[in-house]
Amino acid sequence: MATMRGTLVVLVVALGLLATACSGDNASSAAGEPDPPVGKPLLPDLAPSPPQDIQIGRVQGKWHIKFSSILVNLGKGDFVLRATREPGSTWSAEQDVQYSTSGAKPIPVDSPLAWGGDGHEHWHIQRVASVWLVPLDANGKPASDSKERIDTKIGFCFYDFTRLLENGPEEAVYSRESCGHEDDTKIGMGLSVGWTDNYVYGLPGQSIDVTGLPDGQYRLWTAADEQRWFRETTSENNVSWADVELSTEANGDRTVEVTDPGPAIRPPS
């Protein structure tokens, strides 16, 4: 019964979000407030997978490690963000926290939004996920927590990409279309329970410049919501990693080998 009720809550809030998402016609997509919250809050839990599809290649003449970034919602409620603005001004964003019986509570958040930047031409939550590279010492431990080598990805437009866990809806609820158009003044985006949002290695920003970096062992860290903008069930799983080895061949070509794929995403117990 609890699972069915949770699914109904997901659908009610999701339909409200999709109805408010911009389609280029703001007059027909006015963002209505969610129903008053009843019951207990159902928080999302944004967790990054270890970097995937790790490879190396040239980007504008420089050597870059490339990777796919994956965020998954391991929580009990959808991650839902709505934002409004006056034409040409900055966005004011709210996270809608769902409740177990019905409705949701809008909570103002400081997360900035940015336009485009990855060829998708829509709005993103700026730097909600980041990836950086650090060397490993002789004992295989990260030698530094500095972020001198970091990705340039602008951010995530959240929507349901792949179903990972059985406790989530069988079909995608949130679409990339909900991330809006450049001139919109109301947008909404979301990630269902048990679903992932993926950004593949071929997209702009899904790489780190390693030109001139010595051969050796490195750790590729990835983090979600480092700024703690959003309400989540926990922040203990907001960081993940994979270990790699950089090498240079006799002809000058660089190679990368994954030596440890990092911790697997584990569903909540």
C-alpha atoms as a PDB file:
ATOM      1  CA  MET A   1       0.000   0.000   0.000  1.00  0.00           C
ATOM      2  CA  ALA A   2       2.831   2.391   0.849  1.00  0.00           C
ATOM      3  CA  THR A   3       4.454   1.750  -2.521  1.00  0.00           C
ATOM      4  CA  MET A   4       1.214   2.355  -4.388  1.00  0.00           C
ATOM      5  CA  ARG A   5       0.542   5.537  -2.436  1.00  0.00           C
ATOM      6  CA  GLY A   6       4.071   6.751  -3.127  1.00  0.00           C
ATOM      7  CA  THR A   7       3.568   6.068  -6.822  1.00  0.00           C
ATOM      8  CA  LEU A   8       0.355   8.098  -6.815  1.00  0.00           C
ATOM      9  CA  VAL A   9       2.171  10.988  -5.160  1.00  0.00           C
ATOM     10  CA  VAL A  10       4.895  10.786  -7.797  1.00  0.00           C
ATOM     11  CA  LEU A  11       2.350  10.935 -10.588  1.00  0.00           C
ATOM     12  CA  VAL A  12       0.335  13.785  -9.080  1.00  0.00           C
ATOM     13  CA  VAL A  13       3.366  16.007  -8.527  1.00  0.00           C
ATOM     14  CA  ALA A  14       4.949  14.999 -11.826  1.00  0.00           C
ATOM     15  CA  LEU A  15       1.835  15.854 -13.791  1.00  0.00           C
ATOM     16  CA  GLY A  16       1.695  19.213 -12.057  1.00  0.00           C
ATOM     17  CA  LEU A  17       5.323  19.846 -12.933  1.00  0.00           C
ATOM     18  CA  LEU A  18       4.947  18.844 -16.549  1.00  0.00           C
ATOM     19  CA  ALA A  19       1.910  21.056 -16.876  1.00  0.00           C
ATOM     20  CA  THR A  20       3.987  24.004 -15.705  1.00  0.00           C
ATOM     21  CA  ALA A  21       7.045  23.258 -17.808  1.00  0.00           C
ATOM     22  CA  CYS A  22       7.596  25.823 -20.519  1.00  0.00           C
ATOM     23  CA  SER A  23       6.798  25.033 -24.108  1.00  0.00           C
ATOM     24  CA  GLY A  24       7.633  28.438 -25.517  1.00  0.00           C
ATOM     25  CA  ASP A  25       4.164  29.782 -24.680  1.00  0.00           C
ATOM     26  CA  ASN A  26       4.267  31.210 -21.170  1.00  0.00           C
ATOM     27  CA  ALA A  27       0.610  32.235 -21.304  1.00  0.00           C
ATOM     28  CA  SER A  28      -0.427  28.579 -21.456  1.00  0.00           C
ATOM     29  CA  SER A  29       2.181  27.264 -19.015  1.00  0.00           C
ATOM     30  CA  ALA A  30       1.731  29.358 -15.883  1.00  0.00           C
ATOM     31  CA  ALA A  31       3.474  27.638 -12.967  1.00  0.00           C
ATOM     32  CA  GLY A  32       0.824  26.813 -10.398  1.00  0.00           C
ATOM     33  CA  GLU A  33       1.685  26.176  -6.755  1.00  0.00           C
ATOM     34  CA  PRO A  34       1.538  22.546  -5.584  1.00  0.00           C
ATOM     35  CA  ASP A  35      -1.266  21.398  -3.295  1.00  0.00           C
ATOM     36  CA  PRO A  36      -0.658  21.863   0.457  1.00  0.00           C
ATOM     37  CA  PRO A  37       1.529  19.105   1.971  1.00  0.00           C
ATOM     38  CA  VAL A  38      -0.205  16.325   3.877  1.00  0.00           C
ATOM     39  CA  GLY A  39       1.649  13.513   5.640  1.00  0.00           C
ATOM     40  CA  LYS A  40       5.418  13.116   5.965  1.00  0.00           C
ATOM     41  CA  PRO A  41       8.103  14.563   3.658  1.00  0.00           C
ATOM     42  CA  LEU A  42       9.551  12.199   1.038  1.00  0.00           C
ATOM     43  CA  LEU A  43      13.032  13.477   0.232  1.00  0.00           C
ATOM     44  CA  PRO A  44      15.069  12.657  -2.874  1.00  0.00           C
ATOM     45  CA  ASP A  45      18.665  11.451  -2.652  1.00  0.00           C
ATOM     46  CA  LEU A  46      20.982  12.532  -5.470  1.00  0.00           C
ATOM     47  CA  ALA A  47      23.986  10.206  -5.719  1.00  0.00           C
ATOM     48  CA  PRO A  48      26.663  10.103  -8.434  1.00  0.00           C
ATOM     49  CA  SER A  49      27.760   6.908 -10.091  1.00  0.00           C
ATOM     50  CA  PRO A  50      31.530   6.500 -10.516  1.00  0.00           C
ATOM     51  CA  PRO A  51      32.629   8.096 -13.806  1.00  0.00           C
ATOM     52  CA  GLN A  52      31.767   5.765 -16.690  1.00  0.00           C
ATOM     53  CA  ASP A  53      33.043   5.200 -20.277  1.00  0.00           C
ATOM     54  CA  ILE A  54      36.471   6.598 -19.346  1.00  0.00           C
ATOM     55  CA  GLN A  55      38.705   7.204 -22.364  1.00  0.00           C
ATOM     56  CA  ILE A  56      41.214   9.709 -23.700  1.00  0.00           C
ATOM     57  CA  GLY A  57      41.372  11.803 -26.856  1.00  0.00           C
ATOM     58  CA  ARG A  58      42.205  15.189 -28.272  1.00  0.00           C
ATOM     59  CA  VAL A  59      39.934  18.184 -27.759  1.00  0.00           C
ATOM     60  CA  GLN A  60      41.032  21.233 -29.749  1.00  0.00           C
ATOM     61  CA  GLY A  61      44.553  19.832 -29.940  1.00  0.00           C
ATOM     62  CA  LYS A  62      44.880  18.995 -26.231  1.00  0.00           C
ATOM     63  CA  TRP A  63      44.678  15.637 -24.480  1.00  0.00           C
ATOM     64  CA  HIS A  64      41.500  15.191 -22.465  1.00  0.00           C
ATOM     65  CA  ILE A  65      40.223  12.359 -20.297  1.00  0.00           C
ATOM     66  CA  LYS A  66      36.586  11.883 -21.284  1.00  0.00           C
ATOM     67  CA  PHE A  67      33.851  10.303 -19.168  1.00  0.00           C
ATOM     68  CA  SER A  68      30.104   9.906 -18.769  1.00  0.00           C
ATOM     69  CA  SER A  69      28.418  11.438 -15.705  1.00  0.00           C
ATOM     70  CA  ILE A  70      25.432   9.717 -14.112  1.00  0.00           C
ATOM     71  CA  LEU A  71      23.270  10.964 -11.253  1.00  0.00           C
ATOM     72  CA  VAL A  72      20.651   8.699  -9.680  1.00  0.00           C
ATOM     73  CA  ASN A  73      17.785   9.440  -7.297  1.00  0.00           C
ATOM     74  CA  LEU A  74      18.028   6.882  -4.486  1.00  0.00           C
ATOM     75  CA  GLY A  75      15.543   8.675  -2.240  1.00  0.00           C
ATOM     76  CA  LYS A  76      11.894   8.172  -1.378  1.00  0.00           C
ATOM     77  CA  GLY A  77      10.609  11.208  -3.275  1.00  0.00           C
ATOM     78  CA  ASP A  78      11.197  12.747  -6.686  1.00  0.00           C
ATOM     79  CA  PHE A  79      13.706  15.527  -7.123  1.00  0.00           C
ATOM     80  CA  VAL A  80      11.597  18.420  -8.442  1.00  0.00           C
ATOM     81  CA  LEU A  81      12.816  21.928  -9.190  1.00  0.00           C
ATOM     82  CA  ARG A  82      10.724  24.831 -10.479  1.00  0.00           C
ATOM     83  CA  ALA A  83      12.000  28.297 -11.335  1.00  0.00           C
ATOM     84  CA  THR A  84      10.475  31.617 -12.386  1.00  0.00           C
ATOM     85  CA  ARG A  85      11.844  34.998 -13.431  1.00  0.00           C
ATOM     86  CA  GLU A  86      10.965  38.275 -15.013  1.00  0.00           C
ATOM     87  CA  PRO A  87      11.955  38.510 -18.712  1.00  0.00           C
ATOM     88  CA  GLY A  88      15.737  38.867 -18.970  1.00  0.00           C
ATOM     89  CA  SER A  89      16.347  38.606 -15.224  1.00  0.00           C
ATOM     90  CA  THR A  90      17.867  35.854 -13.074  1.00  0.00           C
ATOM     91  CA  TRP A  91      15.901  32.842 -11.910  1.00  0.00           C
ATOM     92  CA  SER A  92      14.304  32.258  -8.522  1.00  0.00           C
ATOM     93  CA  ALA A  93      14.252  28.519  -7.866  1.00  0.00           C
ATOM     94  CA  GLU A  94      12.261  26.274  -5.530  1.00  0.00           C
ATOM     95  CA  GLN A  95      12.590  22.601  -4.683  1.00  0.00           C
ATOM     96  CA  ASP A  96       9.219  20.925  -4.304  1.00  0.00           C
ATOM     97  CA  VAL A  97       9.465  18.390  -1.466  1.00  0.00           C
ATOM     98  CA  GLN A  98       6.754  15.761  -1.866  1.00  0.00           C
ATOM     99  CA  TYR A  99       4.646  14.447   1.018  1.00  0.00           C
ATOM    100  CA  SER A 100       3.496  10.895   1.687  1.00  0.00           C
ATOM    101  CA  THR A 101      -0.254  11.499   1.476  1.00  0.00           C
ATOM    102  CA  SER A 102      -0.537  14.359  -1.011  1.00  0.00           C
ATOM    103  CA  GLY A 103       0.862  17.696  -2.063  1.00  0.00           C
ATOM    104  CA  ALA A 104       4.336  19.196  -1.781  1.00  0.00           C
ATOM    105  CA  LYS A 105       6.138  21.975   0.059  1.00  0.00           C
ATOM    106  CA  PRO A 106       8.035  24.541  -2.095  1.00  0.00           C
ATOM    107  CA  ILE A 107      11.396  25.428  -0.533  1.00  0.00           C
ATOM    108  CA  PRO A 108      13.431  28.341  -1.961  1.00  0.00           C
ATOM    109  CA  VAL A 109      16.947  27.270  -2.992  1.00  0.00           C
ATOM    110  CA  ASP A 110      20.027  29.226  -4.046  1.00  0.00           C
ATOM    111  CA  SER A 111      20.966  27.044  -7.018  1.00  0.00           C
ATOM    112  CA  PRO A 112      21.781  29.210 -10.072  1.00  0.00           C
ATOM    113  CA  LEU A 113      20.556  28.231 -13.527  1.00  0.00           C
ATOM    114  CA  ALA A 114      22.591  28.525 -16.710  1.00  0.00           C
ATOM    115  CA  TRP A 115      21.615  28.310 -20.370  1.00  0.00           C
ATOM    116  CA  GLY A 116      22.950  25.758 -22.865  1.00  0.00           C
ATOM    117  CA  GLY A 117      26.590  24.818 -22.803  1.00  0.00           C
ATOM    118  CA  ASP A 118      26.324  21.157 -23.826  1.00  0.00           C
ATOM    119  CA  GLY A 119      24.668  21.310 -27.223  1.00  0.00           C
ATOM    120  CA  HIS A 120      21.242  20.561 -25.732  1.00  0.00           C
ATOM    121  CA  GLU A 121      20.115  24.200 -25.710  1.00  0.00           C
ATOM    122  CA  HIS A 122      18.086  24.253 -22.530  1.00  0.00           C
ATOM    123  CA  TRP A 123      18.400  25.402 -18.921  1.00  0.00           C
ATOM    124  CA  HIS A 124      20.666  23.626 -16.410  1.00  0.00           C
ATOM    125  CA  ILE A 125      21.251  23.660 -12.657  1.00  0.00           C
ATOM    126  CA  GLN A 126      24.730  25.125 -12.734  1.00  0.00           C
ATOM    127  CA  ARG A 127      27.582  22.917 -11.426  1.00  0.00           C
ATOM    128  CA  VAL A 128      25.263  20.597  -9.530  1.00  0.00           C
ATOM    129  CA  ALA A 129      27.780  17.857 -10.346  1.00  0.00           C
ATOM    130  CA  SER A 130      31.533  18.121 -10.816  1.00  0.00           C
ATOM    131  CA  VAL A 131      34.452  15.834 -11.677  1.00  0.00           C
ATOM    132  CA  TRP A 132      38.109  16.378 -10.839  1.00  0.00           C
ATOM    133  CA  LEU A 133      41.399  14.487 -11.123  1.00  0.00           C
ATOM    134  CA  VAL A 134      44.079  14.047  -8.410  1.00  0.00           C
ATOM    135  CA  PRO A 135      47.251  11.905  -8.298  1.00  0.00           C
ATOM    136  CA  LEU A 136      47.550   8.781  -6.157  1.00  0.00           C
ATOM    137  CA  ASP A 137      50.566   8.297  -3.897  1.00  0.00           C
ATOM    138  CA  ALA A 138      52.761   5.210  -3.655  1.00  0.00           C
ATOM    139  CA  ASN A 139      50.188   3.567  -1.394  1.00  0.00           C
ATOM    140  CA  GLY A 140      47.364   4.117  -3.865  1.00  0.00           C
ATOM    141  CA  LYS A 141      45.800   6.878  -1.785  1.00  0.00           C
ATOM    142  CA  PRO A 142      44.735  10.279  -3.145  1.00  0.00           C
ATOM    143  CA  ALA A 143      47.772  12.519  -2.642  1.00  0.00           C
ATOM    144  CA  SER A 144      45.772  15.745  -2.615  1.00  0.00           C
ATOM    145  CA  ASP A 145      42.211  17.016  -2.534  1.00  0.00           C
ATOM    146  CA  SER A 146      43.033  19.979  -4.750  1.00  0.00           C
ATOM    147  CA  LYS A 147      40.936  20.562  -7.863  1.00  0.00           C
ATOM    148  CA  GLU A 148      43.519  21.874 -10.288  1.00  0.00           C
ATOM    149  CA  ARG A 149      42.265  19.521 -12.985  1.00  0.00           C
ATOM    150  CA  ILE A 150      38.475  19.834 -13.120  1.00  0.00           C
ATOM    151  CA  ASP A 151      35.795  19.397 -15.764  1.00  0.00           C
ATOM    152  CA  THR A 152      34.085  22.342 -17.452  1.00  0.00           C
ATOM    153  CA  LYS A 153      30.546  20.972 -17.634  1.00  0.00           C
ATOM    154  CA  ILE A 154      27.999  23.739 -17.116  1.00  0.00           C
ATOM    155  CA  GLY A 155      25.429  21.669 -15.220  1.00  0.00           C
ATOM    156  CA  PHE A 156      22.532  19.212 -15.366  1.00  0.00           C
ATOM    157  CA  CYS A 157      19.061  19.560 -16.817  1.00  0.00           C
ATOM    158  CA  PHE A 158      17.356  16.855 -14.805  1.00  0.00           C
ATOM    159  CA  TYR A 159      15.012  14.411 -16.494  1.00  0.00           C
ATOM    160  CA  ASP A 160      14.356  10.660 -16.452  1.00  0.00           C
ATOM    161  CA  PHE A 161      16.915   8.930 -18.687  1.00  0.00           C
ATOM    162  CA  THR A 162      17.202   5.324 -17.483  1.00  0.00           C
ATOM    163  CA  ARG A 163      15.298   3.316 -14.869  1.00  0.00           C
ATOM    164  CA  LEU A 164      17.765   1.793 -12.417  1.00  0.00           C
ATOM    165  CA  LEU A 165      15.723   0.608  -9.428  1.00  0.00           C
ATOM    166  CA  GLU A 166      12.463  -1.303  -9.268  1.00  0.00           C
ATOM    167  CA  ASN A 167      10.958   1.077  -6.703  1.00  0.00           C
ATOM    168  CA  GLY A 168      10.690   3.787  -9.362  1.00  0.00           C
ATOM    169  CA  PRO A 169       7.942   4.253 -11.967  1.00  0.00           C
ATOM    170  CA  GLU A 170       8.155   1.877 -14.908  1.00  0.00           C
ATOM    171  CA  GLU A 171       7.957   4.681 -17.468  1.00  0.00           C
ATOM    172  CA  ALA A 172       9.767   8.016 -17.556  1.00  0.00           C
ATOM    173  CA  VAL A 173       7.810  10.860 -15.940  1.00  0.00           C
ATOM    174  CA  TYR A 174      10.069  13.878 -16.527  1.00  0.00           C
ATOM    175  CA  SER A 175      11.151  14.873 -20.040  1.00  0.00           C
ATOM    176  CA  ARG A 176      14.051  16.986 -21.262  1.00  0.00           C
ATOM    177  CA  GLU A 177      11.437  19.247 -22.830  1.00  0.00           C
ATOM    178  CA  SER A 178      10.608  20.484 -19.330  1.00  0.00           C
ATOM    179  CA  CYS A 179      14.024  22.199 -19.146  1.00  0.00           C
ATOM    180  CA  GLY A 180      12.629  25.025 -21.235  1.00  0.00           C
ATOM    181  CA  HIS A 181      13.680  27.429 -23.970  1.00  0.00           C
ATOM    182  CA  GLU A 182      15.988  30.407 -23.743  1.00  0.00           C
ATOM    183  CA  ASP A 183      13.290  33.078 -23.441  1.00  0.00           C
ATOM    184  CA  ASP A 184      11.024  31.187 -21.031  1.00  0.00           C
ATOM    185  CA  THR A 185      10.129  32.733 -17.691  1.00  0.00           C
ATOM    186  CA  LYS A 186       8.849  29.527 -16.039  1.00  0.00           C
ATOM    187  CA  ILE A 187      10.548  26.144 -16.140  1.00  0.00           C
ATOM    188  CA  GLY A 188      10.483  22.883 -14.218  1.00  0.00           C
ATOM    189  CA  MET A 189      12.621  19.748 -14.146  1.00  0.00           C
ATOM    190  CA  GLY A 190      12.651  16.514 -12.206  1.00  0.00           C
ATOM    191  CA  LEU A 191      14.189  13.094 -11.580  1.00  0.00           C
ATOM    192  CA  SER A 192      11.946  10.226 -10.516  1.00  0.00           C
ATOM    193  CA  VAL A 193      12.771   7.843  -7.694  1.00  0.00           C
ATOM    194  CA  GLY A 194      14.967   5.030  -9.002  1.00  0.00           C
ATOM    195  CA  TRP A 195      15.840   6.794 -12.269  1.00  0.00           C
ATOM    196  CA  THR A 196      19.141   8.179 -13.556  1.00  0.00           C
ATOM    197  CA  ASP A 197      20.096  11.243 -15.556  1.00  0.00           C
ATOM    198  CA  ASN A 198      23.049  10.576 -17.869  1.00  0.00           C
ATOM    199  CA  TYR A 199      25.466  12.892 -19.673  1.00  0.00           C
ATOM    200  CA  VAL A 200      27.618  10.888 -22.087  1.00  0.00           C
ATOM    201  CA  TYR A 201      31.337  11.386 -22.662  1.00  0.00           C
ATOM    202  CA  GLY A 202      30.903  12.922 -26.114  1.00  0.00           C
ATOM    203  CA  LEU A 203      29.118  16.027 -24.831  1.00  0.00           C
ATOM    204  CA  PRO A 204      30.987  19.311 -24.254  1.00  0.00           C
ATOM    205  CA  GLY A 205      32.361  19.618 -20.732  1.00  0.00           C
ATOM    206  CA  GLN A 206      32.472  15.854 -20.138  1.00  0.00           C
ATOM    207  CA  SER A 207      36.271  15.857 -20.038  1.00  0.00           C
ATOM    208  CA  ILE A 208      39.342  17.101 -18.172  1.00  0.00           C
ATOM    209  CA  ASP A 209      42.463  18.548 -19.812  1.00  0.00           C
ATOM    210  CA  VAL A 210      45.442  16.325 -18.954  1.00  0.00           C
ATOM    211  CA  THR A 211      47.912  17.920 -21.388  1.00  0.00           C
ATOM    212  CA  GLY A 212      51.339  17.932 -19.750  1.00  0.00           C
ATOM    213  CA  LEU A 213      50.177  15.806 -16.822  1.00  0.00           C
ATOM    214  CA  PRO A 214      52.818  13.153 -15.927  1.00  0.00           C
ATOM    215  CA  ASP A 215      52.131   9.471 -16.488  1.00  0.00           C
ATOM    216  CA  GLY A 216      50.969   7.674 -13.376  1.00  0.00           C
ATOM    217  CA  GLN A 217      48.055   6.669 -11.174  1.00  0.00           C
ATOM    218  CA  TYR A 218      45.165   9.077 -10.623  1.00  0.00           C
ATOM    219  CA  ARG A 219      41.739   9.207  -9.007  1.00  0.00           C
ATOM    220  CA  LEU A 220      38.800  10.667 -10.909  1.00  0.00           C
ATOM    221  CA  TRP A 221      36.455  12.054  -8.262  1.00  0.00           C
ATOM    222  CA  THR A 222      32.831  12.993  -8.885  1.00  0.00           C
ATOM    223  CA  ALA A 223      30.449  14.821  -6.564  1.00  0.00           C
ATOM    224  CA  ALA A 224      26.775  15.828  -6.553  1.00  0.00           C
ATOM    225  CA  ASP A 225      25.397  18.967  -4.907  1.00  0.00           C
ATOM    226  CA  GLU A 226      28.643  19.948  -3.170  1.00  0.00           C
ATOM    227  CA  GLN A 227      27.044  23.284  -2.273  1.00  0.00           C
ATOM    228  CA  ARG A 228      24.234  21.512  -0.359  1.00  0.00           C
ATOM    229  CA  TRP A 229      21.582  23.510  -2.175  1.00  0.00           C
ATOM    230  CA  PHE A 230      18.932  20.787  -1.993  1.00  0.00           C
ATOM    231  CA  ARG A 231      17.011  18.848   0.624  1.00  0.00           C
ATOM    232  CA  GLU A 232      18.085  15.177   0.529  1.00  0.00           C
ATOM    233  CA  THR A 233      17.757  12.117   2.742  1.00  0.00           C
ATOM    234  CA  THR A 234      21.553  12.065   3.152  1.00  0.00           C
ATOM    235  CA  SER A 235      24.681  13.733   1.822  1.00  0.00           C
ATOM    236  CA  GLU A 236      26.963  10.833   2.759  1.00  0.00           C
ATOM    237  CA  ASN A 237      26.740   9.324  -0.729  1.00  0.00           C
ATOM    238  CA  ASN A 238      27.317  12.564  -2.666  1.00  0.00           C
ATOM    239  CA  VAL A 239      30.878  11.639  -3.695  1.00  0.00           C
ATOM    240  CA  SER A 240      32.172   8.738  -5.790  1.00  0.00           C
ATOM    241  CA  TRP A 241      35.301   7.915  -7.803  1.00  0.00           C
ATOM    242  CA  ALA A 242      37.211   5.691 -10.231  1.00  0.00           C
ATOM    243  CA  ASP A 243      40.998   5.130 -10.436  1.00  0.00           C
ATOM    244  CA  VAL A 244      42.895   5.343 -13.707  1.00  0.00           C
ATOM    245  CA  GLU A 245      46.445   5.074 -15.040  1.00  0.00           C
ATOM    246  CA  LEU A 246      47.778   7.591 -17.556  1.00  0.00           C
ATOM    247  CA  SER A 247      50.506   6.455 -19.965  1.00  0.00           C
ATOM    248  CA  THR A 248      52.330   7.844 -22.978  1.00  0.00           C
ATOM    249  CA  GLU A 249      53.270   5.676 -25.944  1.00  0.00           C
ATOM    250  CA  ALA A 250      56.512   6.010 -27.928  1.00  0.00           C
ATOM    251  CA  ASN A 251      54.754   8.024 -30.655  1.00  0.00           C
ATOM    252  CA  GLY A 252      53.447  10.540 -28.113  1.00  0.00           C
ATOM    253  CA  ASP A 253      49.887   9.239 -27.996  1.00  0.00           C
ATOM    254  CA  ARG A 254      48.381   9.102 -24.526  1.00  0.00           C
ATOM    255  CA  THR A 255      46.371   6.215 -23.129  1.00  0.00           C
ATOM    256  CA  VAL A 256      44.180   5.735 -20.061  1.00  0.00           C
ATOM    257  CA  GLU A 257      43.343   2.477 -18.279  1.00  0.00           C
ATOM    258  CA  VAL A 258      40.752   2.058 -15.543  1.00  0.00           C
ATOM    259  CA  THR A 259      42.510   0.314 -12.644  1.00  0.00           C
ATOM    260  CA  ASP A 260      39.566   0.459 -10.213  1.00  0.00           C
ATOM    261  CA  PRO A 261      36.017   1.218 -11.407  1.00  0.00           C
ATOM    262  CA  GLY A 262      35.033   2.569  -8.007  1.00  0.00           C
ATOM    263  CA  PRO A 263      32.099   1.732  -5.731  1.00  0.00           C
ATOM    264  CA  ALA A 264      28.904   0.504  -7.317  1.00  0.00           C
ATOM    265  CA  ILE A 265      25.679   2.399  -6.789  1.00  0.00           C
ATOM    266  CA  ARG A 266      23.788   0.650  -3.999  1.00  0.00           C
ATOM    267  CA  PRO A 267      20.040   1.024  -3.521  1.00  0.00           C
ATOM    268  CA  PRO A 268      18.874   1.992  -0.023  1.00  0.00           C
ATOM    269  CA  SER A 269      18.339  -0.897   2.376  1.00  0.00           C
END
